Amino acid sequence: MVSKFVNRYPAGEGLLQAYLEEAVALDLSWGCLFLGAAGLGLYALLAAGGLRTEGGLCLGVGLLALAAALAARLLPCWRRRRPGPGPERQGVVEFGHRIRVTEGDECFWADYGQIVRVRRLTTLSVLLLDDGEAIVLANNGFVRGEPEKFWSFLQEKMARPAADHTTGAGNGGREQI
């Protein structure tokens, strides 16, 4: 099978770390900013009403939340500057007639018709399949094919009805290499 597009992504802990840094840290920082602003507002109200002890507690929580928001935004930037621990395990996604994901000794096949949702983040993209599985792509990890043409290729393949291929299981599956 000739693959039109091939993508390499960090597998294992590197994948989880990249996702957490990108998706969760941003959401966490917004929540902490809101909590920090609420704590500072409550401090002002309670201190004006003469409840300095309770206001001081709200001030402490507000400042702690603001510090957490700042850390959630800055730590990923500082980590990117540090050299990593060494070569990382790689996963490979091949897009041809079907999608083939290889990570270590495990191989996963999927059809384009199984994709129910596509989530594009800054550095990673996730293709969610109808059986709850997900395919991860590194946006800068294409080693074959032009990345700017990939999304139109994927959209076209998802719109076509799934063809019956003789390779692999009917609607995707797993195999050991």
N, C-alpha and C. Protein backbone atom coordinates (compact mmCIF):
# COMPACT_ATOMS: atom_id res chain seq x y z
N MET A 1 0.84 -1.18 0.00
CA MET A 1 0.00 0.00 0.00
C MET A 1 0.89 1.24 0.00
N VAL A 2 0.68 2.11 -0.97
CA VAL A 2 1.43 3.35 -1.06
C VAL A 2 0.67 4.42 -0.28
N SER A 3 1.36 5.05 0.65
CA SER A 3 0.74 6.07 1.48
C SER A 3 1.02 7.44 0.91
N LYS A 4 -0.04 8.21 0.73
CA LYS A 4 0.11 9.55 0.19
C LYS A 4 0.69 10.50 1.24
N PHE A 5 0.29 10.29 2.52
CA PHE A 5 0.79 11.11 3.62
C PHE A 5 1.30 10.20 4.72
N VAL A 6 2.44 10.55 5.31
CA VAL A 6 2.99 9.83 6.45
C VAL A 6 3.33 10.86 7.52
N ASN A 7 2.91 10.58 8.76
CA ASN A 7 3.10 11.50 9.87
C ASN A 7 3.77 10.76 11.02
N ARG A 8 4.77 11.37 11.62
CA ARG A 8 5.43 10.83 12.82
C ARG A 8 5.04 11.72 14.00
N TYR A 9 4.72 11.08 15.12
CA TYR A 9 4.31 11.82 16.32
C TYR A 9 5.02 11.23 17.52
N PRO A 10 5.20 12.03 18.60
CA PRO A 10 5.82 11.50 19.82
C PRO A 10 4.85 10.55 20.51
N ALA A 11 5.29 9.35 20.77
CA ALA A 11 4.43 8.34 21.40
C ALA A 11 4.74 8.25 22.89
N GLY A 12 3.87 7.59 23.61
CA GLY A 12 4.08 7.35 25.04
C GLY A 12 3.93 8.61 25.85
N GLU A 13 4.86 8.82 26.79
CA GLU A 13 4.79 9.95 27.71
C GLU A 13 4.91 11.29 26.99
N GLY A 14 5.67 11.33 25.91
CA GLY A 14 5.83 12.58 25.17
C GLY A 14 4.51 13.07 24.59
N LEU A 15 3.68 12.15 24.14
CA LEU A 15 2.38 12.51 23.60
C LEU A 15 1.48 13.08 24.68
N LEU A 16 1.43 12.41 25.83
CA LEU A 16 0.61 12.90 26.93
C LEU A 16 1.09 14.26 27.42
N GLN A 17 2.39 14.42 27.52
CA GLN A 17 2.95 15.69 27.99
C GLN A 17 2.62 16.81 27.01
N ALA A 18 2.74 16.56 25.72
CA ALA A 18 2.43 17.59 24.73
C ALA A 18 0.96 17.98 24.79
N TYR A 19 0.08 17.00 24.94
CA TYR A 19 -1.35 17.29 25.03
C TYR A 19 -1.67 18.11 26.28
N LEU A 20 -1.10 17.69 27.41
CA LEU A 20 -1.37 18.41 28.66
C LEU A 20 -0.87 19.84 28.60
N GLU A 21 0.32 20.03 28.04
CA GLU A 21 0.86 21.37 27.95
C GLU A 21 -0.01 22.26 27.08
N GLU A 22 -0.51 21.71 26.00
CA GLU A 22 -1.23 22.54 25.05
C GLU A 22 -2.70 22.74 25.41
N ALA A 23 -3.41 21.68 25.65
CA ALA A 23 -4.86 21.78 25.84
C ALA A 23 -5.25 22.08 27.28
N VAL A 24 -4.69 21.35 28.22
CA VAL A 24 -5.12 21.47 29.61
C VAL A 24 -4.54 22.72 30.28
N ALA A 25 -3.29 23.04 30.00
CA ALA A 25 -2.69 24.20 30.66
C ALA A 25 -3.41 25.49 30.30
N LEU A 26 -3.85 25.62 29.07
CA LEU A 26 -4.57 26.82 28.67
C LEU A 26 -5.90 26.93 29.40
N ASP A 27 -6.65 25.82 29.46
CA ASP A 27 -7.93 25.82 30.18
C ASP A 27 -7.72 26.09 31.67
N LEU A 28 -6.69 25.49 32.25
CA LEU A 28 -6.38 25.69 33.67
C LEU A 28 -6.04 27.15 33.95
N SER A 29 -5.28 27.75 33.07
CA SER A 29 -4.88 29.14 33.32
C SER A 29 -6.08 30.08 33.30
N TRP A 30 -7.05 29.84 32.39
CA TRP A 30 -8.24 30.68 32.37
C TRP A 30 -9.07 30.50 33.65
N GLY A 31 -9.21 29.26 34.11
CA GLY A 31 -9.94 29.01 35.35
C GLY A 31 -9.28 29.68 36.55
N CYS A 32 -7.96 29.59 36.60
CA CYS A 32 -7.23 30.22 37.71
C CYS A 32 -7.31 31.75 37.65
N LEU A 33 -7.30 32.31 36.45
CA LEU A 33 -7.46 33.77 36.33
C LEU A 33 -8.82 34.21 36.86
N PHE A 34 -9.86 33.46 36.52
CA PHE A 34 -11.20 33.78 37.00
C PHE A 34 -11.26 33.66 38.52
N LEU A 35 -10.71 32.58 39.07
CA LEU A 35 -10.71 32.39 40.51
C LEU A 35 -9.90 33.48 41.22
N GLY A 36 -8.78 33.87 40.63
CA GLY A 36 -7.96 34.93 41.21
C GLY A 36 -8.69 36.26 41.24
N ALA A 37 -9.38 36.59 40.14
CA ALA A 37 -10.14 37.84 40.10
C ALA A 37 -11.28 37.82 41.11
N ALA A 38 -11.94 36.67 41.25
CA ALA A 38 -13.03 36.55 42.23
C ALA A 38 -12.49 36.71 43.65
N GLY A 39 -11.33 36.12 43.93
CA GLY A 39 -10.73 36.25 45.26
C GLY A 39 -10.36 37.67 45.59
N LEU A 40 -9.81 38.41 44.62
CA LEU A 40 -9.46 39.80 44.86
C LEU A 40 -10.71 40.66 45.04
N GLY A 41 -11.76 40.36 44.27
CA GLY A 41 -13.02 41.09 44.43
C GLY A 41 -13.65 40.86 45.79
N LEU A 42 -13.65 39.60 46.24
CA LEU A 42 -14.19 39.29 47.57
C LEU A 42 -13.37 39.95 48.67
N TYR A 43 -12.06 40.00 48.50
CA TYR A 43 -11.22 40.68 49.48
C TYR A 43 -11.64 42.14 49.62
N ALA A 44 -11.83 42.80 48.48
CA ALA A 44 -12.21 44.22 48.52
C ALA A 44 -13.55 44.41 49.23
N LEU A 45 -14.52 43.53 48.92
CA LEU A 45 -15.84 43.64 49.55
C LEU A 45 -15.78 43.35 51.06
N LEU A 46 -15.08 42.27 51.43
CA LEU A 46 -15.03 41.89 52.85
C LEU A 46 -14.21 42.88 53.67
N ALA A 47 -13.11 43.37 53.10
CA ALA A 47 -12.29 44.35 53.82
C ALA A 47 -13.06 45.66 54.01
N ALA A 48 -13.83 46.04 53.02
CA ALA A 48 -14.64 47.26 53.14
C ALA A 48 -15.74 47.09 54.18
N GLY A 49 -16.21 45.85 54.38
CA GLY A 49 -17.25 45.58 55.37
C GLY A 49 -16.69 45.31 56.75
N GLY A 50 -15.39 45.42 56.94
CA GLY A 50 -14.79 45.23 58.25
C GLY A 50 -14.37 43.80 58.55
N LEU A 51 -14.52 42.90 57.64
CA LEU A 51 -14.14 41.49 57.86
C LEU A 51 -12.75 41.25 57.26
N ARG A 52 -11.75 41.77 57.97
CA ARG A 52 -10.39 41.72 57.45
C ARG A 52 -9.81 40.30 57.43
N THR A 53 -10.13 39.47 58.42
CA THR A 53 -9.59 38.11 58.45
C THR A 53 -10.12 37.31 57.26
N GLU A 54 -11.44 37.36 57.06
CA GLU A 54 -12.03 36.63 55.93
C GLU A 54 -11.55 37.21 54.60
N GLY A 55 -11.42 38.53 54.55
CA GLY A 55 -10.90 39.18 53.35
C GLY A 55 -9.47 38.77 53.06
N GLY A 56 -8.68 38.63 54.13
CA GLY A 56 -7.29 38.18 53.96
C GLY A 56 -7.21 36.77 53.40
N LEU A 57 -8.12 35.91 53.84
CA LEU A 57 -8.15 34.55 53.28
C LEU A 57 -8.50 34.57 51.79
N CYS A 58 -9.47 35.40 51.42
CA CYS A 58 -9.85 35.53 50.01
C CYS A 58 -8.69 36.11 49.19
N LEU A 59 -7.97 37.07 49.77
CA LEU A 59 -6.82 37.64 49.09
C LEU A 59 -5.75 36.58 48.85
N GLY A 60 -5.50 35.74 49.86
CA GLY A 60 -4.50 34.68 49.72
C GLY A 60 -4.89 33.69 48.64
N VAL A 61 -6.16 33.28 48.63
CA VAL A 61 -6.62 32.33 47.60
C VAL A 61 -6.54 32.98 46.21
N GLY A 62 -6.91 34.26 46.13
CA GLY A 62 -6.86 34.97 44.86
C GLY A 62 -5.44 35.08 44.32
N LEU A 63 -4.49 35.42 45.19
CA LEU A 63 -3.10 35.54 44.76
C LEU A 63 -2.52 34.17 44.37
N LEU A 64 -2.89 33.15 45.12
CA LEU A 64 -2.43 31.80 44.79
C LEU A 64 -2.97 31.36 43.42
N ALA A 65 -4.23 31.66 43.16
CA ALA A 65 -4.82 31.30 41.87
C ALA A 65 -4.17 32.07 40.73
N LEU A 66 -3.86 33.35 40.94
CA LEU A 66 -3.18 34.13 39.90
C LEU A 66 -1.78 33.60 39.64
N ALA A 67 -1.09 33.16 40.70
CA ALA A 67 0.24 32.56 40.53
C ALA A 67 0.13 31.25 39.74
N ALA A 68 -0.90 30.45 40.01
CA ALA A 68 -1.09 29.20 39.26
C ALA A 68 -1.39 29.48 37.80
N ALA A 69 -2.17 30.53 37.52
CA ALA A 69 -2.47 30.90 36.13
C ALA A 69 -1.21 31.32 35.40
N LEU A 70 -0.38 32.09 36.06
CA LEU A 70 0.88 32.52 35.46
C LEU A 70 1.80 31.33 35.20
N ALA A 71 1.87 30.42 36.16
CA ALA A 71 2.72 29.23 36.00
C ALA A 71 2.21 28.34 34.87
N ALA A 72 0.87 28.20 34.75
CA ALA A 72 0.31 27.35 33.69
C ALA A 72 0.63 27.90 32.31
N ARG A 73 0.79 29.20 32.20
CA ARG A 73 1.12 29.80 30.91
C ARG A 73 2.62 29.83 30.64
N LEU A 74 3.43 29.98 31.68
CA LEU A 74 4.87 30.13 31.47
C LEU A 74 5.66 28.82 31.49
N LEU A 75 5.24 27.85 32.30
CA LEU A 75 6.01 26.61 32.40
C LEU A 75 6.16 25.87 31.07
N PRO A 76 5.11 25.77 30.25
CA PRO A 76 5.32 25.11 28.94
C PRO A 76 6.36 25.81 28.09
N CYS A 77 6.43 27.15 28.17
CA CYS A 77 7.44 27.89 27.40
C CYS A 77 8.85 27.58 27.92
N TRP A 78 9.01 27.51 29.23
CA TRP A 78 10.31 27.20 29.81
C TRP A 78 10.72 25.78 29.50
N ARG A 79 9.78 24.84 29.50
CA ARG A 79 10.11 23.44 29.21
C ARG A 79 10.55 23.27 27.76
N ARG A 80 9.97 24.02 26.83
CA ARG A 80 10.35 23.91 25.42
C ARG A 80 11.78 24.35 25.20
N ARG A 81 12.27 25.27 26.02
CA ARG A 81 13.64 25.75 25.87
C ARG A 81 14.67 24.76 26.38
N ARG A 82 14.28 23.94 27.37
CA ARG A 82 15.20 22.95 27.93
C ARG A 82 15.38 21.81 26.95
N PRO A 83 16.59 21.25 26.87
CA PRO A 83 16.76 20.06 26.03
C PRO A 83 16.02 18.88 26.65
N GLY A 84 15.45 18.05 25.82
CA GLY A 84 14.69 16.90 26.30
C GLY A 84 15.58 15.80 26.84
N PRO A 85 15.00 14.75 27.41
CA PRO A 85 15.78 13.68 28.00
C PRO A 85 16.47 12.79 26.98
N GLY A 86 16.16 12.94 25.72
CA GLY A 86 16.79 12.11 24.69
C GLY A 86 15.78 11.73 23.64
N PRO A 87 16.17 10.80 22.76
CA PRO A 87 15.24 10.42 21.70
C PRO A 87 13.98 9.79 22.27
N GLU A 88 12.89 10.12 21.70
CA GLU A 88 11.57 9.71 22.17
C GLU A 88 11.05 8.60 21.26
N ARG A 89 10.19 7.76 21.82
CA ARG A 89 9.53 6.75 21.01
C ARG A 89 8.64 7.45 19.99
N GLN A 90 8.58 6.93 18.79
CA GLN A 90 7.82 7.55 17.72
C GLN A 90 6.67 6.65 17.28
N GLY A 91 5.56 7.26 16.95
CA GLY A 91 4.46 6.57 16.31
C GLY A 91 4.40 7.04 14.87
N VAL A 92 3.88 6.19 13.98
CA VAL A 92 3.81 6.53 12.56
C VAL A 92 2.38 6.32 12.09
N VAL A 93 1.82 7.32 11.41
CA VAL A 93 0.49 7.23 10.83
C VAL A 93 0.64 7.35 9.32
N GLU A 94 0.12 6.34 8.59
CA GLU A 94 0.20 6.33 7.14
C GLU A 94 -1.21 6.46 6.57
N PHE A 95 -1.39 7.39 5.66
CA PHE A 95 -2.69 7.64 5.04
C PHE A 95 -2.61 7.21 3.58
N GLY A 96 -3.25 6.10 3.26
CA GLY A 96 -3.35 5.60 1.90
C GLY A 96 -4.80 5.28 1.61
N HIS A 97 -5.07 4.04 1.15
CA HIS A 97 -6.46 3.62 0.97
C HIS A 97 -7.16 3.54 2.32
N ARG A 98 -6.40 3.16 3.35
CA ARG A 98 -6.87 3.12 4.73
C ARG A 98 -5.84 3.83 5.58
N ILE A 99 -6.13 3.97 6.85
CA ILE A 99 -5.21 4.61 7.78
C ILE A 99 -4.52 3.51 8.58
N ARG A 100 -3.20 3.58 8.65
CA ARG A 100 -2.43 2.60 9.42
C ARG A 100 -1.61 3.36 10.45
N VAL A 101 -1.79 2.98 11.74
CA VAL A 101 -1.04 3.59 12.83
C VAL A 101 -0.13 2.52 13.42
N THR A 102 1.15 2.78 13.46
CA THR A 102 2.12 1.83 14.02
C THR A 102 2.85 2.51 15.17
N GLU A 103 2.83 1.83 16.32
CA GLU A 103 3.53 2.33 17.50
C GLU A 103 4.17 1.13 18.18
N GLY A 104 5.48 1.06 18.12
CA GLY A 104 6.18 -0.10 18.67
C GLY A 104 5.81 -1.35 17.91
N ASP A 105 5.34 -2.39 18.62
CA ASP A 105 4.97 -3.65 17.99
C ASP A 105 3.50 -3.72 17.63
N GLU A 106 2.75 -2.69 17.89
CA GLU A 106 1.31 -2.73 17.65
C GLU A 106 0.96 -1.92 16.40
N CYS A 107 0.03 -2.48 15.64
CA CYS A 107 -0.43 -1.82 14.42
C CYS A 107 -1.95 -1.70 14.50
N PHE A 108 -2.47 -0.54 14.15
CA PHE A 108 -3.90 -0.27 14.20
C PHE A 108 -4.33 0.20 12.82
N TRP A 109 -5.40 -0.40 12.30
CA TRP A 109 -5.96 -0.01 11.01
C TRP A 109 -7.30 0.68 11.22
N ALA A 110 -7.60 1.68 10.41
CA ALA A 110 -8.90 2.35 10.48
C ALA A 110 -9.30 2.80 9.08
N ASP A 111 -10.59 2.94 8.88
CA ASP A 111 -11.13 3.48 7.64
C ASP A 111 -11.46 4.95 7.84
N TYR A 112 -11.42 5.71 6.78
CA TYR A 112 -11.72 7.14 6.86
C TYR A 112 -13.16 7.39 7.32
N GLY A 113 -14.07 6.47 6.98
CA GLY A 113 -15.46 6.61 7.39
C GLY A 113 -15.66 6.47 8.89
N GLN A 114 -14.66 5.96 9.61
CA GLN A 114 -14.77 5.82 11.06
C GLN A 114 -14.51 7.13 11.80
N ILE A 115 -13.94 8.12 11.14
CA ILE A 115 -13.61 9.39 11.79
C ILE A 115 -14.90 10.17 12.04
N VAL A 116 -15.15 10.47 13.31
CA VAL A 116 -16.37 11.21 13.66
C VAL A 116 -16.08 12.65 14.07
N ARG A 117 -14.83 12.94 14.45
CA ARG A 117 -14.50 14.29 14.89
C ARG A 117 -13.02 14.53 14.68
N VAL A 118 -12.69 15.75 14.28
CA VAL A 118 -11.30 16.16 14.10
C VAL A 118 -11.06 17.36 14.99
N ARG A 119 -10.03 17.28 15.84
CA ARG A 119 -9.69 18.39 16.74
C ARG A 119 -8.27 18.84 16.41
N ARG A 120 -8.15 20.07 15.94
CA ARG A 120 -6.84 20.62 15.57
C ARG A 120 -6.37 21.57 16.65
N LEU A 121 -5.23 21.25 17.25
CA LEU A 121 -4.61 22.11 18.25
C LEU A 121 -3.39 22.77 17.59
N THR A 122 -2.62 23.50 18.34
CA THR A 122 -1.47 24.20 17.77
C THR A 122 -0.40 23.24 17.29
N THR A 123 -0.02 22.27 18.11
CA THR A 123 1.06 21.35 17.73
C THR A 123 0.57 19.96 17.40
N LEU A 124 -0.60 19.57 17.90
CA LEU A 124 -1.14 18.23 17.66
C LEU A 124 -2.53 18.31 17.07
N SER A 125 -2.92 17.26 16.37
CA SER A 125 -4.29 17.11 15.90
C SER A 125 -4.75 15.72 16.29
N VAL A 126 -6.04 15.58 16.60
CA VAL A 126 -6.60 14.31 17.05
C VAL A 126 -7.78 13.96 16.14
N LEU A 127 -7.77 12.74 15.61
CA LEU A 127 -8.87 12.23 14.82
C LEU A 127 -9.60 11.22 15.70
N LEU A 128 -10.82 11.54 16.12
CA LEU A 128 -11.59 10.66 17.00
C LEU A 128 -12.40 9.70 16.14
N LEU A 129 -12.31 8.41 16.44
CA LEU A 129 -13.01 7.38 15.68
C LEU A 129 -14.30 6.99 16.37
N ASP A 130 -15.20 6.36 15.62
CA ASP A 130 -16.52 6.01 16.15
C ASP A 130 -16.48 4.96 17.25
N ASP A 131 -15.40 4.21 17.38
CA ASP A 131 -15.31 3.20 18.43
C ASP A 131 -14.59 3.72 19.68
N GLY A 132 -14.35 5.03 19.75
CA GLY A 132 -13.71 5.62 20.92
C GLY A 132 -12.20 5.71 20.82
N GLU A 133 -11.60 5.11 19.81
CA GLU A 133 -10.16 5.20 19.60
C GLU A 133 -9.84 6.60 19.06
N ALA A 134 -8.58 6.98 19.11
CA ALA A 134 -8.15 8.26 18.57
C ALA A 134 -6.83 8.09 17.83
N ILE A 135 -6.66 8.85 16.79
CA ILE A 135 -5.41 8.88 16.04
C ILE A 135 -4.80 10.26 16.25
N VAL A 136 -3.55 10.29 16.66
CA VAL A 136 -2.87 11.55 16.96
C VAL A 136 -1.90 11.86 15.83
N LEU A 137 -1.84 13.13 15.45
CA LEU A 137 -0.90 13.60 14.44
C LEU A 137 -0.11 14.76 15.02
N ALA A 138 1.17 14.81 14.71
CA ALA A 138 1.97 15.99 15.03
C ALA A 138 1.84 16.92 13.83
N ASN A 139 1.39 18.14 14.04
CA ASN A 139 1.17 19.05 12.92
C ASN A 139 2.44 19.32 12.11
N ASN A 140 3.59 19.24 12.75
CA ASN A 140 4.84 19.44 12.03
C ASN A 140 5.56 18.11 11.78
N GLY A 141 4.83 16.98 11.88
CA GLY A 141 5.45 15.67 11.77
C GLY A 141 5.28 14.97 10.43
N PHE A 142 4.84 15.66 9.40
CA PHE A 142 4.66 15.01 8.10
C PHE A 142 6.01 14.76 7.45
N VAL A 143 6.29 13.49 7.14
CA VAL A 143 7.54 13.12 6.48
C VAL A 143 7.28 12.74 5.02
N ARG A 144 6.02 12.59 4.63
CA ARG A 144 5.64 12.38 3.23
C ARG A 144 4.35 13.14 2.99
N GLY A 145 4.28 13.81 1.87
CA GLY A 145 3.10 14.60 1.53
C GLY A 145 3.22 16.02 2.04
N GLU A 146 2.50 16.93 1.39
CA GLU A 146 2.54 18.34 1.77
C GLU A 146 1.50 18.60 2.86
N PRO A 147 1.92 19.07 4.04
CA PRO A 147 0.99 19.27 5.16
C PRO A 147 -0.19 20.18 4.81
N GLU A 148 0.02 21.20 3.99
CA GLU A 148 -1.07 22.11 3.66
C GLU A 148 -2.15 21.45 2.81
N LYS A 149 -1.81 20.35 2.12
CA LYS A 149 -2.80 19.63 1.32
C LYS A 149 -3.47 18.48 2.09
N PHE A 150 -2.94 18.17 3.27
CA PHE A 150 -3.45 17.03 4.01
C PHE A 150 -4.91 17.20 4.43
N TRP A 151 -5.28 18.36 4.95
CA TRP A 151 -6.62 18.54 5.50
C TRP A 151 -7.70 18.45 4.42
N SER A 152 -7.41 18.94 3.22
CA SER A 152 -8.38 18.78 2.14
C SER A 152 -8.45 17.32 1.70
N PHE A 153 -7.31 16.63 1.69
CA PHE A 153 -7.29 15.20 1.38
C PHE A 153 -8.14 14.42 2.39
N LEU A 154 -7.96 14.72 3.67
CA LEU A 154 -8.71 14.03 4.72
C LEU A 154 -10.20 14.31 4.61
N GLN A 155 -10.55 15.55 4.36
CA GLN A 155 -11.96 15.91 4.22
C GLN A 155 -12.60 15.17 3.04
N GLU A 156 -11.88 15.06 1.94
CA GLU A 156 -12.39 14.35 0.77
C GLU A 156 -12.57 12.86 1.07
N LYS A 157 -11.60 12.26 1.75
CA LYS A 157 -11.68 10.84 2.09
C LYS A 157 -12.81 10.56 3.07
N MET A 158 -13.05 11.46 4.01
CA MET A 158 -14.12 11.27 4.99
C MET A 158 -15.49 11.37 4.34
N ALA A 159 -15.61 12.14 3.27
CA ALA A 159 -16.90 12.33 2.60
C ALA A 159 -17.30 11.14 1.74
N ARG A 160 -16.32 10.34 1.30
CA ARG A 160 -16.61 9.17 0.46
C ARG A 160 -17.13 8.03 1.31
N PRO A 161 -18.01 7.19 0.75
CA PRO A 161 -18.42 5.99 1.47
C PRO A 161 -17.24 5.02 1.58
N ALA A 162 -17.18 4.29 2.68
CA ALA A 162 -16.07 3.38 2.92
C ALA A 162 -16.11 2.23 1.91
N ALA A 163 -14.96 1.98 1.28
CA ALA A 163 -14.86 0.87 0.33
C ALA A 163 -14.39 -0.37 1.06
N ASP A 164 -14.77 -1.53 0.57
CA ASP A 164 -14.36 -2.78 1.19
C ASP A 164 -13.00 -3.17 0.65
N HIS A 165 -12.00 -3.16 1.53
CA HIS A 165 -10.64 -3.54 1.13
C HIS A 165 -10.33 -4.91 1.69
N THR A 166 -9.46 -5.61 1.01
CA THR A 166 -9.13 -6.97 1.44
C THR A 166 -8.09 -6.99 2.54
N THR A 167 -7.39 -5.89 2.79
CA THR A 167 -6.37 -5.87 3.83
C THR A 167 -6.98 -5.51 5.17
N GLY A 168 -6.62 -6.23 6.19
CA GLY A 168 -7.06 -5.90 7.55
C GLY A 168 -8.51 -6.28 7.79
N ALA A 169 -8.99 -5.95 8.98
CA ALA A 169 -10.36 -6.25 9.36
C ALA A 169 -11.31 -5.30 8.65
N GLY A 170 -12.59 -5.62 8.62
CA GLY A 170 -13.59 -4.87 7.88
C GLY A 170 -13.63 -3.40 8.19
N ASN A 171 -13.78 -3.01 9.43
CA ASN A 171 -13.85 -1.60 9.79
C ASN A 171 -12.70 -1.20 10.69
N GLY A 172 -11.55 -1.68 10.42
CA GLY A 172 -10.40 -1.36 11.25
C GLY A 172 -10.13 -2.48 12.21
N GLY A 173 -9.06 -2.40 12.93
CA GLY A 173 -8.72 -3.44 13.89
C GLY A 173 -7.28 -3.33 14.32
N ARG A 174 -6.88 -4.27 15.17
CA ARG A 174 -5.51 -4.28 15.69
C ARG A 174 -4.83 -5.56 15.29
N GLU A 175 -3.53 -5.47 15.17
CA GLU A 175 -2.74 -6.66 14.90
C GLU A 175 -1.37 -6.48 15.55
N GLN A 176 -0.74 -7.55 15.88
CA GLN A 176 0.60 -7.51 16.43
C GLN A 176 1.59 -7.75 15.29
N ILE A 177 2.66 -6.97 15.25
CA ILE A 177 3.66 -7.13 14.20
C ILE A 177 4.67 -8.17 14.62
